[in-house]
Amino acid sequence: MMELSDQQFDQLITRAMDELPQEYITNMQNVAIVQQDEPTPEQQARMNLDTHHVLLGLFEGIPLTLQGSGFSGMLPSKITLFKNSILAVVNTEAELFEQIKRTIWHEIAHYYGLNHSHIHKLQK
């Protein structure tokens, strides 16, 4: 498995976000994008993950499509990228960057209210 400092991983996240369609990035409100080494047991349980599945990223919050007029003042939604999980599924620096970019894009799509089947159609 490749090794990468948190700072290097954060720089790749920033670079990936700069390459995504900016209208989706600039229109996100009240969303924190963070990194974590591994999902917590609670996050794994919430996602019903078994030992054969790897969680690369996670959107936690209320999708934009479900936010009503009384949503202001709420805690921010959160997109988490799991560094060790991502590192475990890539072999090269190029693959690493593309996986980070794909994972962020996937979680941003959840923020906008898209489900997995719709996201997969858009990614093809």
N, C-alpha and C. Protein backbone atom coordinates (compact mmCIF):
# COMPACT_ATOMS: atom_id res chain seq x y z
N MET A 1 0.85 -1.19 0.00
CA MET A 1 0.00 0.00 0.00
C MET A 1 0.89 1.25 0.00
N MET A 2 0.51 2.22 -0.79
CA MET A 2 1.24 3.49 -0.85
C MET A 2 1.14 4.18 0.51
N GLU A 3 2.12 5.02 0.80
CA GLU A 3 2.07 5.83 2.02
C GLU A 3 1.94 7.29 1.62
N LEU A 4 1.18 8.02 2.41
CA LEU A 4 0.89 9.40 2.11
C LEU A 4 0.59 10.12 3.42
N SER A 5 1.16 11.29 3.60
CA SER A 5 0.85 12.07 4.81
C SER A 5 -0.54 12.67 4.68
N ASP A 6 -1.10 13.07 5.81
CA ASP A 6 -2.41 13.72 5.79
C ASP A 6 -2.35 15.00 4.96
N GLN A 7 -1.25 15.73 5.07
CA GLN A 7 -1.09 16.97 4.31
C GLN A 7 -1.07 16.70 2.80
N GLN A 8 -0.35 15.66 2.38
CA GLN A 8 -0.32 15.30 0.96
C GLN A 8 -1.70 14.88 0.48
N PHE A 9 -2.41 14.11 1.29
CA PHE A 9 -3.76 13.67 0.93
C PHE A 9 -4.68 14.88 0.81
N ASP A 10 -4.57 15.82 1.73
CA ASP A 10 -5.38 17.03 1.69
C ASP A 10 -5.09 17.84 0.43
N GLN A 11 -3.83 17.91 0.03
CA GLN A 11 -3.47 18.63 -1.20
C GLN A 11 -4.10 17.98 -2.43
N LEU A 12 -4.16 16.65 -2.44
CA LEU A 12 -4.81 15.95 -3.55
C LEU A 12 -6.31 16.19 -3.56
N ILE A 13 -6.92 16.25 -2.39
CA ILE A 13 -8.35 16.56 -2.29
C ILE A 13 -8.61 17.95 -2.88
N THR A 14 -7.79 18.92 -2.50
CA THR A 14 -7.95 20.29 -3.00
C THR A 14 -7.78 20.33 -4.51
N ARG A 15 -6.76 19.66 -5.02
CA ARG A 15 -6.53 19.61 -6.47
C ARG A 15 -7.70 18.96 -7.20
N ALA A 16 -8.21 17.87 -6.65
CA ALA A 16 -9.35 17.19 -7.27
C ALA A 16 -10.57 18.10 -7.29
N MET A 17 -10.83 18.80 -6.21
CA MET A 17 -11.97 19.71 -6.16
C MET A 17 -11.82 20.83 -7.18
N ASP A 18 -10.60 21.28 -7.40
CA ASP A 18 -10.36 22.32 -8.40
C ASP A 18 -10.67 21.84 -9.82
N GLU A 19 -10.59 20.54 -10.04
CA GLU A 19 -10.83 19.97 -11.37
C GLU A 19 -12.28 19.55 -11.61
N LEU A 20 -13.07 19.53 -10.56
CA LEU A 20 -14.48 19.17 -10.71
C LEU A 20 -15.27 20.37 -11.25
N PRO A 21 -16.44 20.14 -11.84
CA PRO A 21 -17.25 21.27 -12.34
C PRO A 21 -17.54 22.26 -11.20
N GLN A 22 -17.04 23.47 -11.35
CA GLN A 22 -17.06 24.43 -10.26
C GLN A 22 -18.45 24.92 -9.87
N GLU A 23 -19.42 24.83 -10.78
CA GLU A 23 -20.77 25.26 -10.41
C GLU A 23 -21.34 24.38 -9.30
N TYR A 24 -20.92 23.12 -9.24
CA TYR A 24 -21.38 22.24 -8.17
C TYR A 24 -20.64 22.50 -6.87
N ILE A 25 -19.39 22.87 -6.97
CA ILE A 25 -18.59 23.15 -5.77
C ILE A 25 -19.02 24.47 -5.14
N THR A 26 -19.13 25.51 -5.95
CA THR A 26 -19.46 26.84 -5.40
C THR A 26 -20.88 26.93 -4.90
N ASN A 27 -21.78 26.07 -5.39
CA ASN A 27 -23.17 26.10 -4.93
C ASN A 27 -23.42 25.25 -3.69
N MET A 28 -22.41 24.52 -3.23
CA MET A 28 -22.58 23.74 -1.99
C MET A 28 -22.54 24.71 -0.82
N GLN A 29 -23.47 24.55 0.08
CA GLN A 29 -23.52 25.42 1.25
C GLN A 29 -23.57 24.56 2.51
N ASN A 30 -22.81 25.01 3.51
CA ASN A 30 -22.83 24.37 4.82
C ASN A 30 -22.39 22.90 4.74
N VAL A 31 -21.30 22.65 4.00
CA VAL A 31 -20.75 21.31 3.85
C VAL A 31 -19.27 21.33 4.19
N ALA A 32 -18.85 20.51 5.13
CA ALA A 32 -17.43 20.36 5.47
C ALA A 32 -16.89 19.15 4.73
N ILE A 33 -15.72 19.29 4.13
CA ILE A 33 -15.06 18.16 3.48
C ILE A 33 -13.83 17.84 4.32
N VAL A 34 -13.81 16.61 4.84
CA VAL A 34 -12.76 16.21 5.77
C VAL A 34 -12.17 14.88 5.34
N GLN A 35 -11.03 14.54 5.95
CA GLN A 35 -10.43 13.24 5.73
C GLN A 35 -10.30 12.53 7.07
N GLN A 36 -10.30 11.21 6.98
CA GLN A 36 -10.18 10.36 8.15
C GLN A 36 -9.42 9.12 7.68
N ASP A 37 -8.64 8.52 8.55
CA ASP A 37 -7.91 7.32 8.14
C ASP A 37 -8.85 6.18 7.77
N GLU A 38 -9.79 5.89 8.63
CA GLU A 38 -10.70 4.75 8.46
C GLU A 38 -12.11 5.16 8.90
N PRO A 39 -13.14 4.50 8.36
CA PRO A 39 -14.49 4.74 8.89
C PRO A 39 -14.58 4.24 10.34
N THR A 40 -15.37 4.92 11.13
CA THR A 40 -15.60 4.47 12.50
C THR A 40 -16.52 3.25 12.47
N PRO A 41 -16.54 2.47 13.54
CA PRO A 41 -17.50 1.35 13.60
C PRO A 41 -18.95 1.81 13.42
N GLU A 42 -19.28 3.00 13.92
CA GLU A 42 -20.63 3.53 13.76
C GLU A 42 -20.94 3.83 12.29
N GLN A 43 -19.97 4.41 11.59
CA GLN A 43 -20.17 4.70 10.17
C GLN A 43 -20.32 3.40 9.37
N GLN A 44 -19.51 2.42 9.69
CA GLN A 44 -19.62 1.13 9.00
C GLN A 44 -20.97 0.48 9.26
N ALA A 45 -21.42 0.53 10.50
CA ALA A 45 -22.72 -0.07 10.86
C ALA A 45 -23.86 0.66 10.16
N ARG A 46 -23.80 1.98 10.13
CA ARG A 46 -24.84 2.78 9.49
C ARG A 46 -24.95 2.46 8.00
N MET A 47 -23.82 2.11 7.38
CA MET A 47 -23.80 1.80 5.95
C MET A 47 -24.02 0.30 5.70
N ASN A 48 -24.21 -0.48 6.77
CA ASN A 48 -24.41 -1.93 6.67
C ASN A 48 -23.29 -2.62 5.90
N LEU A 49 -22.06 -2.25 6.19
CA LEU A 49 -20.91 -2.82 5.48
C LEU A 49 -20.49 -4.14 6.10
N ASP A 50 -20.20 -5.08 5.22
CA ASP A 50 -19.63 -6.34 5.69
C ASP A 50 -18.11 -6.27 5.43
N THR A 51 -17.42 -7.32 5.72
CA THR A 51 -15.96 -7.32 5.59
C THR A 51 -15.49 -7.33 4.14
N HIS A 52 -16.40 -7.56 3.19
CA HIS A 52 -16.02 -7.60 1.77
C HIS A 52 -16.15 -6.25 1.08
N HIS A 53 -16.63 -5.24 1.77
CA HIS A 53 -16.83 -3.93 1.16
C HIS A 53 -15.95 -2.89 1.83
N VAL A 54 -15.48 -1.96 1.02
CA VAL A 54 -14.61 -0.89 1.50
C VAL A 54 -15.34 0.43 1.33
N LEU A 55 -15.35 1.24 2.36
CA LEU A 55 -15.98 2.55 2.30
C LEU A 55 -14.91 3.58 1.98
N LEU A 56 -15.00 4.18 0.79
CA LEU A 56 -14.00 5.16 0.35
C LEU A 56 -14.36 6.57 0.79
N GLY A 57 -15.64 6.86 0.81
CA GLY A 57 -16.12 8.18 1.19
C GLY A 57 -17.52 8.07 1.73
N LEU A 58 -17.97 9.14 2.38
CA LEU A 58 -19.29 9.12 3.01
C LEU A 58 -19.85 10.53 3.09
N PHE A 59 -21.09 10.69 2.64
CA PHE A 59 -21.83 11.93 2.85
C PHE A 59 -22.73 11.73 4.05
N GLU A 60 -22.61 12.62 5.02
CA GLU A 60 -23.46 12.58 6.21
C GLU A 60 -24.14 13.93 6.32
N GLY A 61 -25.44 13.92 6.19
CA GLY A 61 -26.18 15.17 6.27
C GLY A 61 -27.52 15.04 5.58
N ILE A 62 -28.13 16.17 5.34
CA ILE A 62 -29.42 16.22 4.67
C ILE A 62 -29.18 16.66 3.23
N PRO A 63 -29.56 15.81 2.26
CA PRO A 63 -29.38 16.20 0.86
C PRO A 63 -30.10 17.51 0.55
N LEU A 64 -29.56 18.24 -0.38
CA LEU A 64 -30.11 19.54 -0.76
C LEU A 64 -31.58 19.41 -1.16
N THR A 65 -31.96 18.32 -1.80
CA THR A 65 -33.35 18.13 -2.24
C THR A 65 -34.33 18.00 -1.08
N LEU A 66 -33.82 17.70 0.12
CA LEU A 66 -34.70 17.54 1.29
C LEU A 66 -34.62 18.71 2.26
N GLN A 67 -33.78 19.69 1.93
CA GLN A 67 -33.64 20.85 2.81
C GLN A 67 -34.77 21.83 2.54
N GLY A 68 -35.49 22.16 3.57
CA GLY A 68 -36.58 23.12 3.43
C GLY A 68 -36.13 24.52 3.81
N SER A 69 -37.08 25.43 3.88
CA SER A 69 -36.76 26.82 4.19
C SER A 69 -36.25 26.99 5.62
N GLY A 70 -36.58 26.08 6.52
CA GLY A 70 -36.13 26.18 7.90
C GLY A 70 -34.79 25.51 8.14
N PHE A 71 -34.04 25.24 7.08
CA PHE A 71 -32.79 24.51 7.22
C PHE A 71 -31.64 25.36 7.73
N SER A 72 -31.70 26.66 7.61
CA SER A 72 -30.58 27.50 8.04
C SER A 72 -30.34 27.35 9.53
N GLY A 73 -29.08 27.46 9.92
CA GLY A 73 -28.72 27.33 11.31
C GLY A 73 -28.45 25.90 11.75
N MET A 74 -28.58 24.96 10.85
CA MET A 74 -28.33 23.55 11.17
C MET A 74 -26.82 23.29 11.14
N LEU A 75 -26.41 22.21 11.78
CA LEU A 75 -25.01 21.80 11.69
C LEU A 75 -24.67 21.49 10.24
N PRO A 76 -23.41 21.69 9.86
CA PRO A 76 -23.06 21.42 8.46
C PRO A 76 -23.15 19.94 8.12
N SER A 77 -23.41 19.67 6.86
CA SER A 77 -23.29 18.32 6.35
C SER A 77 -21.80 18.04 6.25
N LYS A 78 -21.46 16.76 6.10
CA LYS A 78 -20.05 16.40 6.07
C LYS A 78 -19.79 15.36 4.99
N ILE A 79 -18.74 15.60 4.22
CA ILE A 79 -18.23 14.62 3.27
C ILE A 79 -16.88 14.19 3.81
N THR A 80 -16.73 12.89 4.04
CA THR A 80 -15.49 12.34 4.56
C THR A 80 -14.86 11.43 3.52
N LEU A 81 -13.56 11.63 3.29
CA LEU A 81 -12.79 10.71 2.46
C LEU A 81 -11.92 9.89 3.39
N PHE A 82 -11.92 8.57 3.19
CA PHE A 82 -11.18 7.66 4.06
C PHE A 82 -9.84 7.31 3.40
N LYS A 83 -8.79 7.92 3.91
CA LYS A 83 -7.47 7.83 3.30
C LYS A 83 -6.97 6.40 3.14
N ASN A 84 -6.98 5.62 4.19
CA ASN A 84 -6.44 4.26 4.11
C ASN A 84 -7.26 3.36 3.19
N SER A 85 -8.56 3.57 3.17
CA SER A 85 -9.42 2.79 2.28
C SER A 85 -9.10 3.10 0.82
N ILE A 86 -8.93 4.37 0.52
CA ILE A 86 -8.59 4.77 -0.86
C ILE A 86 -7.21 4.25 -1.23
N LEU A 87 -6.25 4.39 -0.33
CA LEU A 87 -4.90 3.90 -0.62
C LEU A 87 -4.88 2.39 -0.87
N ALA A 88 -5.79 1.67 -0.24
CA ALA A 88 -5.82 0.21 -0.38
C ALA A 88 -6.31 -0.25 -1.75
N VAL A 89 -7.00 0.62 -2.49
CA VAL A 89 -7.57 0.19 -3.77
C VAL A 89 -6.85 0.76 -4.99
N VAL A 90 -5.73 1.45 -4.76
CA VAL A 90 -4.98 2.02 -5.88
C VAL A 90 -3.54 1.50 -5.88
N ASN A 91 -2.90 1.60 -7.05
CA ASN A 91 -1.52 1.14 -7.17
C ASN A 91 -0.54 2.23 -7.56
N THR A 92 -1.04 3.30 -8.17
CA THR A 92 -0.16 4.36 -8.65
C THR A 92 -0.66 5.71 -8.17
N GLU A 93 0.21 6.71 -8.29
CA GLU A 93 -0.19 8.07 -7.92
C GLU A 93 -1.33 8.57 -8.80
N ALA A 94 -1.28 8.22 -10.09
CA ALA A 94 -2.35 8.64 -11.01
C ALA A 94 -3.68 8.02 -10.60
N GLU A 95 -3.67 6.73 -10.28
CA GLU A 95 -4.90 6.06 -9.82
C GLU A 95 -5.39 6.69 -8.52
N LEU A 96 -4.47 7.03 -7.63
CA LEU A 96 -4.83 7.65 -6.36
C LEU A 96 -5.58 8.95 -6.60
N PHE A 97 -5.04 9.80 -7.45
CA PHE A 97 -5.69 11.08 -7.71
C PHE A 97 -7.07 10.87 -8.33
N GLU A 98 -7.16 9.99 -9.30
CA GLU A 98 -8.45 9.75 -9.96
C GLU A 98 -9.47 9.16 -8.99
N GLN A 99 -9.02 8.30 -8.08
CA GLN A 99 -9.95 7.72 -7.09
C GLN A 99 -10.44 8.78 -6.12
N ILE A 100 -9.56 9.65 -5.68
CA ILE A 100 -9.96 10.76 -4.80
C ILE A 100 -10.99 11.63 -5.50
N LYS A 101 -10.71 11.98 -6.73
CA LYS A 101 -11.61 12.83 -7.51
C LYS A 101 -12.98 12.16 -7.71
N ARG A 102 -12.97 10.88 -8.06
CA ARG A 102 -14.21 10.13 -8.27
C ARG A 102 -15.01 10.02 -6.95
N THR A 103 -14.30 9.80 -5.85
CA THR A 103 -14.96 9.66 -4.55
C THR A 103 -15.60 10.98 -4.11
N ILE A 104 -14.87 12.07 -4.26
CA ILE A 104 -15.44 13.38 -3.90
C ILE A 104 -16.69 13.65 -4.75
N TRP A 105 -16.56 13.41 -6.05
CA TRP A 105 -17.68 13.66 -6.97
C TRP A 105 -18.90 12.82 -6.57
N HIS A 106 -18.66 11.58 -6.21
CA HIS A 106 -19.73 10.67 -5.78
C HIS A 106 -20.44 11.22 -4.54
N GLU A 107 -19.67 11.67 -3.57
CA GLU A 107 -20.27 12.17 -2.32
C GLU A 107 -20.95 13.51 -2.53
N ILE A 108 -20.42 14.34 -3.41
CA ILE A 108 -21.09 15.61 -3.75
C ILE A 108 -22.44 15.31 -4.40
N ALA A 109 -22.48 14.29 -5.24
CA ALA A 109 -23.75 13.90 -5.87
C ALA A 109 -24.78 13.53 -4.80
N HIS A 110 -24.35 12.87 -3.73
CA HIS A 110 -25.28 12.56 -2.63
C HIS A 110 -25.77 13.85 -1.98
N TYR A 111 -24.90 14.83 -1.82
CA TYR A 111 -25.32 16.13 -1.27
C TYR A 111 -26.46 16.72 -2.12
N TYR A 112 -26.33 16.58 -3.45
CA TYR A 112 -27.36 17.11 -4.34
C TYR A 112 -28.58 16.19 -4.46
N GLY A 113 -28.59 15.09 -3.71
CA GLY A 113 -29.77 14.24 -3.63
C GLY A 113 -29.83 13.10 -4.61
N LEU A 114 -28.73 12.81 -5.31
CA LEU A 114 -28.73 11.70 -6.26
C LEU A 114 -28.51 10.38 -5.53
N ASN A 115 -29.19 9.33 -5.98
CA ASN A 115 -28.98 8.01 -5.40
C ASN A 115 -27.89 7.27 -6.18
N HIS A 116 -27.49 6.11 -5.68
CA HIS A 116 -26.37 5.38 -6.29
C HIS A 116 -26.62 5.03 -7.75
N SER A 117 -27.81 4.59 -8.11
CA SER A 117 -28.04 4.18 -9.50
C SER A 117 -27.92 5.39 -10.44
N HIS A 118 -28.42 6.54 -10.02
CA HIS A 118 -28.30 7.75 -10.84
C HIS A 118 -26.84 8.20 -10.94
N ILE A 119 -26.11 8.12 -9.86
CA ILE A 119 -24.69 8.50 -9.86
C ILE A 119 -23.91 7.61 -10.81
N HIS A 120 -24.15 6.30 -10.76
CA HIS A 120 -23.42 5.37 -11.63
C HIS A 120 -23.72 5.63 -13.10
N LYS A 121 -24.95 6.00 -13.43
CA LYS A 121 -25.29 6.32 -14.81
C LYS A 121 -24.52 7.57 -15.27
N LEU A 122 -24.41 8.56 -14.40
CA LEU A 122 -23.71 9.79 -14.75
C LEU A 122 -22.21 9.58 -14.88
N GLN A 123 -21.65 8.64 -14.13
CA GLN A 123 -20.21 8.42 -14.15
C GLN A 123 -19.76 7.63 -15.36
N LYS A 124 -20.65 6.97 -16.06
CA LYS A 124 -20.27 6.16 -17.22
C LYS A 124 -20.13 6.99 -18.46
